[in-house]
C-alpha atoms as a PDB file:
ATOM      1  CA  MET A   1      19.661  -5.342   5.536  1.00  0.00           C
ATOM      2  CA  ASN A   2      22.248  -6.374   2.987  1.00  0.00           C
ATOM      3  CA  LYS A   3      24.539  -4.015   1.202  1.00  0.00           C
ATOM      4  CA  ASN A   4      25.213  -4.679  -2.460  1.00  0.00           C
ATOM      5  CA  THR A   5      28.856  -3.608  -2.938  1.00  0.00           C
ATOM      6  CA  SER A   6      28.750  -3.313  -6.723  1.00  0.00           C
ATOM      7  CA  SER A   7      26.128  -0.574  -6.802  1.00  0.00           C
ATOM      8  CA  ASN A   8      26.128   0.603  -3.172  1.00  0.00           C
ATOM      9  CA  LYS A   9      22.376   0.041  -3.040  1.00  0.00           C
ATOM     10  CA  VAL A  10      20.843  -1.076   0.197  1.00  0.00           C
ATOM     11  CA  ILE A  11      18.577  -4.064  -0.293  1.00  0.00           C
ATOM     12  CA  VAL A  12      15.852  -4.168   2.330  1.00  0.00           C
ATOM     13  CA  ASN A  13      13.790  -7.212   3.176  1.00  0.00           C
ATOM     14  CA  ARG A  14      10.356  -5.569   3.112  1.00  0.00           C
ATOM     15  CA  GLU A  15       8.762  -8.677   4.606  1.00  0.00           C
ATOM     16  CA  TYR A  16      10.043  -7.728   8.075  1.00  0.00           C
ATOM     17  CA  LYS A  17       7.837  -4.657   8.354  1.00  0.00           C
ATOM     18  CA  SER A  18       4.842  -6.459   6.898  1.00  0.00           C
ATOM     19  CA  THR A  19       5.359  -9.400   9.230  1.00  0.00           C
ATOM     20  CA  LEU A  20       5.640  -7.096  12.235  1.00  0.00           C
ATOM     21  CA  PHE A  21       2.413  -5.355  11.203  1.00  0.00           C
ATOM     22  CA  SER A  22       0.639  -8.703  10.882  1.00  0.00           C
ATOM     23  CA  MET A  23       2.000  -9.944  14.205  1.00  0.00           C
ATOM     24  CA  LEU A  24       0.967  -6.801  16.085  1.00  0.00           C
ATOM     25  CA  PHE A  25      -2.603  -6.933  14.887  1.00  0.00           C
ATOM     26  CA  ARG A  26      -3.218 -10.666  15.270  1.00  0.00           C
ATOM     27  CA  ASP A  27      -4.099  -9.687  18.805  1.00  0.00           C
ATOM     28  CA  LYS A  28      -7.827  -8.907  18.761  1.00  0.00           C
ATOM     29  CA  GLU A  29      -7.542  -6.104  21.335  1.00  0.00           C
ATOM     30  CA  ALA A  30      -4.886  -4.297  19.305  1.00  0.00           C
ATOM     31  CA  LEU A  31      -6.850  -4.906  16.105  1.00  0.00           C
ATOM     32  CA  LEU A  32     -10.047  -3.557  17.639  1.00  0.00           C
ATOM     33  CA  GLU A  33      -8.172  -0.474  18.842  1.00  0.00           C
ATOM     34  CA  LEU A  34      -6.798   0.093  15.332  1.00  0.00           C
ATOM     35  CA  TYR A  35     -10.223  -0.426  13.759  1.00  0.00           C
ATOM     36  CA  ASN A  36     -11.858   2.013  16.193  1.00  0.00           C
ATOM     37  CA  ALA A  37      -9.168   4.637  15.575  1.00  0.00           C
ATOM     38  CA  ILE A  38      -9.555   4.417  11.802  1.00  0.00           C
ATOM     39  CA  ASN A  39     -13.351   4.299  11.741  1.00  0.00           C
ATOM     40  CA  HIS A  40     -14.108   6.580  14.684  1.00  0.00           C
ATOM     41  CA  THR A  41     -16.059   3.773  16.344  1.00  0.00           C
ATOM     42  CA  HIS A  42     -16.144   2.555  19.926  1.00  0.00           C
ATOM     43  CA  TYR A  43     -16.346  -1.236  19.802  1.00  0.00           C
ATOM     44  CA  THR A  44     -15.204  -2.919  23.017  1.00  0.00           C
ATOM     45  CA  ASP A  45     -16.081  -6.588  22.521  1.00  0.00           C
ATOM     46  CA  THR A  46     -13.250  -8.418  20.770  1.00  0.00           C
ATOM     47  CA  GLU A  47     -15.659 -11.295  20.080  1.00  0.00           C
ATOM     48  CA  GLU A  48     -17.249  -9.084  17.403  1.00  0.00           C
ATOM     49  CA  ILE A  49     -14.096  -9.529  15.304  1.00  0.00           C
ATOM     50  CA  ARG A  50     -13.478 -12.626  13.217  1.00  0.00           C
ATOM     51  CA  ILE A  51      -9.938 -12.725  11.814  1.00  0.00           C
ATOM     52  CA  VAL A  52      -9.843 -14.344   8.368  1.00  0.00           C
ATOM     53  CA  THR A  53      -6.352 -13.439   7.144  1.00  0.00           C
ATOM     54  CA  LEU A  54      -5.164 -15.570   4.239  1.00  0.00           C
ATOM     55  CA  GLU A  55      -2.032 -17.513   5.058  1.00  0.00           C
ATOM     56  CA  ASN A  56       0.582 -18.300   2.445  1.00  0.00           C
ATOM     57  CA  ALA A  57      -0.800 -21.691   1.545  1.00  0.00           C
ATOM     58  CA  VAL A  58       0.753 -23.332  -1.495  1.00  0.00           C
ATOM     59  CA  TYR A  59      -2.585 -24.222  -3.044  1.00  0.00           C
ATOM     60  CA  MET A  60      -3.850 -20.636  -2.821  1.00  0.00           C
ATOM     61  CA  GLY A  61      -0.703 -18.787  -3.877  1.00  0.00           C
ATOM     62  CA  VAL A  62      -1.834 -15.581  -2.146  1.00  0.00           C
ATOM     63  CA  LYS A  63      -1.602 -14.127   1.317  1.00  0.00           C
ATOM     64  CA  ASN A  64      -2.547 -10.793   2.738  1.00  0.00           C
ATOM     65  CA  ASP A  65      -1.368  -8.931   5.805  1.00  0.00           C
ATOM     66  CA  LEU A  66      -4.602  -8.678   7.740  1.00  0.00           C
ATOM     67  CA  ALA A  67      -8.223  -9.535   7.044  1.00  0.00           C
ATOM     68  CA  PHE A  68     -11.104  -9.512   9.480  1.00  0.00           C
ATOM     69  CA  VAL A  69     -14.861  -9.236   9.608  1.00  0.00           C
ATOM     70  CA  ILE A  70     -16.655  -6.813  11.892  1.00  0.00           C
ATOM     71  CA  ASP A  71     -19.954  -5.001  11.560  1.00  0.00           C
ATOM     72  CA  LEU A  72     -20.850  -6.857   8.318  1.00  0.00           C
ATOM     73  CA  HIS A  73     -17.674  -5.620   6.589  1.00  0.00           C
ATOM     74  CA  LEU A  74     -14.682  -7.617   5.414  1.00  0.00           C
ATOM     75  CA  ASN A  75     -11.680  -5.408   6.104  1.00  0.00           C
ATOM     76  CA  LEU A  76      -8.427  -6.029   4.265  1.00  0.00           C
ATOM     77  CA  TYR A  77      -5.496  -4.069   5.657  1.00  0.00           C
ATOM     78  CA  GLU A  78      -2.116  -4.133   3.947  1.00  0.00           C
ATOM     79  CA  HIS A  79       1.183  -2.672   5.057  1.00  0.00           C
ATOM     80  CA  GLN A  80       3.498  -1.450   2.279  1.00  0.00           C
ATOM     81  CA  SER A  81       6.936   0.097   2.441  1.00  0.00           C
ATOM     82  CA  THR A  82       7.004   0.473  -1.350  1.00  0.00           C
ATOM     83  CA  TYR A  83       4.348   2.363  -3.299  1.00  0.00           C
ATOM     84  CA  ASN A  84       2.427  -0.041  -5.495  1.00  0.00           C
ATOM     85  CA  PRO A  85      -0.232   1.255  -7.917  1.00  0.00           C
ATOM     86  CA  ASN A  86      -1.336  -2.359  -8.484  1.00  0.00           C
ATOM     87  CA  ILE A  87      -2.728  -2.800  -4.982  1.00  0.00           C
ATOM     88  CA  PRO A  88      -6.350  -2.559  -6.260  1.00  0.00           C
ATOM     89  CA  LEU A  89      -5.723  -5.549  -8.525  1.00  0.00           C
ATOM     90  CA  ARG A  90      -4.032  -7.416  -5.681  1.00  0.00           C
ATOM     91  CA  ASP A  91      -7.021  -6.560  -3.481  1.00  0.00           C
ATOM     92  CA  LEU A  92      -9.325  -8.054  -6.104  1.00  0.00           C
ATOM     93  CA  PHE A  93      -7.371 -11.325  -5.888  1.00  0.00           C
ATOM     94  CA  TYR A  94      -7.382 -11.188  -2.082  1.00  0.00           C
ATOM     95  CA  ILE A  95     -11.099 -10.524  -1.805  1.00  0.00           C
ATOM     96  CA  ALA A  96     -11.953 -13.243  -4.305  1.00  0.00           C
ATOM     97  CA  GLN A  97      -9.870 -15.752  -2.335  1.00  0.00           C
ATOM     98  CA  GLU A  98     -11.346 -14.533   0.966  1.00  0.00           C
ATOM     99  CA  TYR A  99     -14.890 -15.058  -0.300  1.00  0.00           C
ATOM    100  CA  LYS A 100     -13.929 -18.408  -1.788  1.00  0.00           C
ATOM    101  CA  THR A 101     -12.533 -19.491   1.576  1.00  0.00           C
ATOM    102  CA  MET A 102     -15.431 -18.070   3.601  1.00  0.00           C
ATOM    103  CA  PHE A 103     -18.166 -19.574   1.446  1.00  0.00           C
ATOM    104  CA  TYR A 104     -16.575 -22.775   0.107  1.00  0.00           C
ATOM    105  CA  ASP A 105     -19.367 -24.885   1.578  1.00  0.00           C
ATOM    106  CA  LYS A 106     -22.215 -22.824   0.117  1.00  0.00           C
ATOM    107  CA  SER A 107     -23.913 -23.654  -3.139  1.00  0.00           C
ATOM    108  CA  LEU A 108     -23.413 -20.884  -5.657  1.00  0.00           C
ATOM    109  CA  TYR A 109     -26.076 -22.506  -7.824  1.00  0.00           C
ATOM    110  CA  SER A 110     -28.795 -22.241  -5.194  1.00  0.00           C
ATOM    111  CA  ARG A 111     -31.860 -20.126  -5.855  1.00  0.00           C
ATOM    112  CA  LYS A 112     -31.151 -18.369  -2.547  1.00  0.00           C
ATOM    113  CA  GLN A 113     -28.732 -15.444  -2.737  1.00  0.00           C
ATOM    114  CA  ILE A 114     -25.636 -15.737  -0.572  1.00  0.00           C
ATOM    115  CA  LYS A 115     -25.056 -12.602   1.474  1.00  0.00           C
ATOM    116  CA  ILE A 116     -21.438 -11.535   1.802  1.00  0.00           C
ATOM    117  CA  PRO A 117     -19.708  -8.919   3.947  1.00  0.00           C
ATOM    118  CA  MET A 118     -18.929  -5.707   2.067  1.00  0.00           C
ATOM    119  CA  PRO A 119     -15.184  -5.300   1.486  1.00  0.00           C
ATOM    120  CA  ARG A 120     -13.130  -2.374   2.729  1.00  0.00           C
ATOM    121  CA  PHE A 121      -9.512  -2.000   1.672  1.00  0.00           C
ATOM    122  CA  LEU A 122      -6.854   0.020   3.455  1.00  0.00           C
ATOM    123  CA  VAL A 123      -3.116   0.285   2.878  1.00  0.00           C
ATOM    124  CA  PHE A 124      -0.689   1.626   5.448  1.00  0.00           C
ATOM    125  CA  TYR A 125       2.293   3.042   3.590  1.00  0.00           C
ATOM    126  CA  ASN A 126       5.551   4.042   5.275  1.00  0.00           C
ATOM    127  CA  GLY A 127       8.014   4.113   2.407  1.00  0.00           C
ATOM    128  CA  VAL A 128      10.520   6.779   1.475  1.00  0.00           C
ATOM    129  CA  GLU A 129       8.731   7.926  -1.701  1.00  0.00           C
ATOM    130  CA  ASP A 130       6.593  11.017  -1.114  1.00  0.00           C
ATOM    131  CA  ARG A 131       2.907  10.116  -1.327  1.00  0.00           C
ATOM    132  CA  PRO A 132      -0.189  12.055  -0.285  1.00  0.00           C
ATOM    133  CA  GLU A 133      -1.383  11.489   3.276  1.00  0.00           C
ATOM    134  CA  ARG A 134      -4.578   9.965   1.859  1.00  0.00           C
ATOM    135  CA  GLU A 135      -4.908   8.537  -1.610  1.00  0.00           C
ATOM    136  CA  VAL A 136      -7.615   6.549  -3.377  1.00  0.00           C
ATOM    137  CA  LEU A 137      -6.432   3.935  -5.841  1.00  0.00           C
ATOM    138  CA  LYS A 138      -9.105   2.519  -8.127  1.00  0.00           C
ATOM    139  CA  LEU A 139      -9.134  -0.756  -9.983  1.00  0.00           C
ATOM    140  CA  SER A 140     -10.984   1.014 -12.793  1.00  0.00           C
ATOM    141  CA  ASP A 141      -7.856   3.140 -13.426  1.00  0.00           C
ATOM    142  CA  ALA A 142      -6.104  -0.024 -14.636  1.00  0.00           C
ATOM    143  CA  TYR A 143      -8.618  -0.751 -17.392  1.00  0.00           C
ATOM    144  CA  TYR A 144      -7.646  -0.208 -20.981  1.00  0.00           C
ATOM    145  CA  THR A 145      -9.575   2.527 -22.712  1.00  0.00           C
ATOM    146  CA  LYS A 146      -9.870   3.284 -26.421  1.00  0.00           C
ATOM    147  CA  ASP A 147      -7.842   6.476 -26.095  1.00  0.00           C
ATOM    148  CA  LYS A 148      -5.136   4.825 -23.969  1.00  0.00           C
ATOM    149  CA  ARG A 149      -4.484   1.522 -25.715  1.00  0.00           C
ATOM    150  CA  GLN A 150      -1.298  -0.224 -24.775  1.00  0.00           C
ATOM    151  CA  ASP A 151       0.390  -3.293 -26.068  1.00  0.00           C
ATOM    152  CA  TRP A 152      -0.752  -6.383 -24.137  1.00  0.00           C
ATOM    153  CA  ASN A 153       2.742  -7.777 -24.199  1.00  0.00           C
END
């Protein structure tokens, strides 16, 4: 942590917590335990998990904390220490890049439909701002509507 003397604000590097979260759950046993706890499941075979987390590659410009496939679902878990109402939009970018990476060698112009794992998004929040224990954020809430027009700029 760094202390800014002019305003006495503490500036926190939020990447530390996110990095710790990612490091903890790179281990398939720990990840499977977390998945089972969240989903009330009892998987025991770590080989059922395929970790597909996006790394911060320059050509992609996006990275997420944790992404893995199990039971025909693509799970994207994020850790946040700051509330962010734009996480659904970020998740859209993540999932698009995940699918792009997973299916780069498939022909999208084929007459055969490509089957994809259904996405599930979850954010672990541990910030100081009071938030409900469980909260659903929807991408559709970000859409402009006729009665709530805003300036694009």
